[in-house]
Amino acid sequence: MNIVVLDSDSLAGDADFPEVDLQKYGWLQYVETNQDLVGERCWRSDIIVSVSTQVDQAVIDKAFKLKLIIAAGSSYEHIDLDAARERGIKVCNVPDSNPDNTDDTGKICEQVIETINAFLQGQDKNVITGR
């Protein structure tokens, strides 16, 4: 299981994500990702986490193992929902949270991991599309 965080520096506070409930997984956490590097950083990911970096159809098409995209905050306008829906990829967010608010950063990090853990157990949490 490969998980990539594209833009942890877009969170106002310190992006301290708890552990995922898996014995073996890859975790790549980038502080920022220029748009021209998104496809390269995501192509073999099972899960993409993005605060605001664009996850468009080209990225979704290139990421052949992709199963889940998480918008780390309430907004998911930076994710191509139609492209995800076409591939059967679930898209989730962290409702009622603002990545620009330092007080929400801890909640966002915890909710991202809870969403991943729920997905791994076959449960839905904060799903926008892909049910």
Protein backbone atom coordinates (compact mmCIF):
# COMPACT_ATOMS: atom_id res chain seq x y z
CA MET A 1 0.00 0.00 0.00
CA ASN A 2 1.55 3.29 -1.13
CA ILE A 3 0.28 6.55 0.33
CA VAL A 4 1.42 9.98 -0.83
CA VAL A 5 0.73 13.35 0.81
CA LEU A 6 1.28 16.03 -1.82
CA ASP A 7 1.34 19.26 0.16
CA SER A 8 1.59 19.00 3.94
CA ASP A 9 2.95 22.55 4.17
CA SER A 10 -0.48 23.79 3.01
CA LEU A 11 -1.75 22.97 6.50
CA ALA A 12 -1.45 25.95 8.84
CA GLY A 13 0.06 23.97 11.71
CA ASP A 14 2.53 21.10 12.02
CA ALA A 15 1.37 18.19 9.85
CA ASP A 16 1.86 15.32 12.30
CA PHE A 17 -0.07 12.35 10.92
CA PRO A 18 -0.68 9.36 13.24
CA GLU A 19 0.22 5.82 12.13
CA VAL A 20 -1.91 3.90 9.64
CA ASP A 21 -3.33 0.54 10.81
CA LEU A 22 -1.13 -1.49 8.48
CA GLN A 23 1.99 -3.47 9.23
CA LYS A 24 3.57 -2.65 5.89
CA TYR A 25 3.01 0.46 3.80
CA GLY A 26 4.88 3.21 2.01
CA TRP A 27 4.34 6.80 3.16
CA LEU A 28 5.70 9.70 1.14
CA GLN A 29 4.98 13.14 2.56
CA TYR A 30 5.94 16.16 0.48
CA VAL A 31 5.76 19.68 1.90
CA GLU A 32 4.69 20.92 -1.51
CA THR A 33 4.32 19.59 -5.04
CA ASN A 34 4.46 21.69 -8.18
CA GLN A 35 1.75 20.71 -10.63
CA ASP A 36 4.26 19.34 -13.13
CA LEU A 37 5.48 16.81 -10.53
CA VAL A 38 2.10 15.50 -9.32
CA GLY A 39 1.85 12.68 -11.88
CA GLU A 40 5.41 11.55 -11.20
CA ARG A 41 4.86 11.49 -7.44
CA CYS A 42 1.49 9.70 -7.66
CA TRP A 43 1.80 7.17 -10.48
CA ARG A 44 2.14 4.14 -8.20
CA SER A 45 0.07 5.37 -5.26
CA ASP A 46 -2.93 3.55 -3.86
CA ILE A 47 -3.97 6.62 -1.85
CA ILE A 48 -3.40 10.32 -2.55
CA VAL A 49 -3.83 12.98 0.15
CA SER A 50 -4.00 16.59 -1.03
CA VAL A 51 -4.77 19.81 0.80
CA SER A 52 -4.97 21.98 -2.32
CA THR A 53 -2.71 20.54 -5.02
CA GLN A 54 -4.69 19.77 -8.18
CA VAL A 55 -5.48 16.08 -8.72
CA ASP A 56 -6.80 16.15 -12.28
CA GLN A 57 -7.73 13.54 -14.86
CA ALA A 58 -4.15 13.21 -16.12
CA VAL A 59 -2.93 12.36 -12.59
CA ILE A 60 -5.82 9.97 -11.98
CA ASP A 61 -5.24 8.25 -15.33
CA LYS A 62 -1.52 7.85 -14.64
CA ALA A 63 -2.01 6.45 -11.10
CA PHE A 64 -2.90 2.91 -12.17
CA LYS A 65 -3.23 1.54 -8.60
CA LEU A 66 -5.22 4.47 -7.21
CA LYS A 67 -8.19 3.55 -5.01
CA LEU A 68 -8.72 6.57 -2.73
CA ILE A 69 -8.18 10.34 -2.85
CA ILE A 70 -8.52 12.38 0.34
CA ALA A 71 -8.97 16.13 0.34
CA ALA A 72 -7.30 17.21 3.59
CA GLY A 73 -9.92 19.80 4.49
CA SER A 74 -13.52 20.63 3.63
CA SER A 75 -12.80 21.76 0.08
CA TYR A 76 -12.42 19.18 -2.69
CA GLU A 77 -12.64 21.52 -5.69
CA HIS A 78 -9.02 20.69 -6.57
CA ILE A 79 -9.95 17.05 -7.29
CA ASP A 80 -11.49 15.93 -10.58
CA LEU A 81 -14.54 14.10 -9.22
CA ASP A 82 -15.74 13.00 -12.67
CA ALA A 83 -12.41 11.36 -13.52
CA ALA A 84 -12.36 9.63 -10.13
CA ARG A 85 -15.95 8.46 -10.54
CA GLU A 86 -15.18 7.03 -14.01
CA ARG A 87 -12.40 4.90 -12.49
CA GLY A 88 -14.42 3.90 -9.41
CA ILE A 89 -12.03 5.75 -7.11
CA LYS A 90 -13.44 6.96 -3.82
CA VAL A 91 -12.96 10.61 -2.95
CA CYS A 92 -13.25 11.73 0.67
CA ASN A 93 -12.71 14.95 2.56
CA VAL A 94 -12.46 16.20 6.14
CA PRO A 95 -15.74 18.08 6.64
CA ASP A 96 -16.00 21.18 8.79
CA SER A 97 -12.26 21.82 8.75
CA ASN A 98 -10.08 24.58 7.40
CA PRO A 99 -6.45 23.87 6.49
CA ASP A 100 -5.67 27.57 7.01
CA ASN A 101 -6.69 27.31 10.67
CA THR A 102 -3.89 26.10 12.95
CA ASP A 103 -6.46 24.72 15.39
CA ASP A 104 -7.84 22.39 12.66
CA THR A 105 -4.50 20.88 11.60
CA GLY A 106 -4.49 18.14 14.26
CA LYS A 107 -8.10 17.25 13.47
CA ILE A 108 -7.32 17.07 9.75
CA CYS A 109 -4.31 14.79 10.28
CA GLU A 110 -6.31 12.47 12.55
CA GLN A 111 -9.32 12.41 10.20
CA VAL A 112 -7.13 11.62 7.19
CA ILE A 113 -5.72 8.56 8.97
CA GLU A 114 -9.17 7.54 10.28
CA THR A 115 -10.49 7.76 6.71
CA ILE A 116 -7.62 5.60 5.42
CA ASN A 117 -8.15 3.05 8.20
CA ALA A 118 -11.90 2.92 7.53
CA PHE A 119 -11.23 2.43 3.81
CA LEU A 120 -8.82 -0.42 4.54
CA GLN A 121 -11.55 -2.10 6.62
CA GLY A 122 -14.10 -1.72 3.80
CA GLN A 123 -15.98 1.09 5.54
CA ASP A 124 -16.95 4.51 4.19
CA LYS A 125 -15.98 7.68 6.02
CA ASN A 126 -16.62 11.16 4.61
CA VAL A 127 -17.10 9.84 1.07
CA ILE A 128 -17.95 12.43 -1.58
CA THR A 129 -18.01 10.06 -4.57
CA GLY A 130 -17.24 6.46 -5.41
CA ARG A 131 -19.71 4.56 -3.25
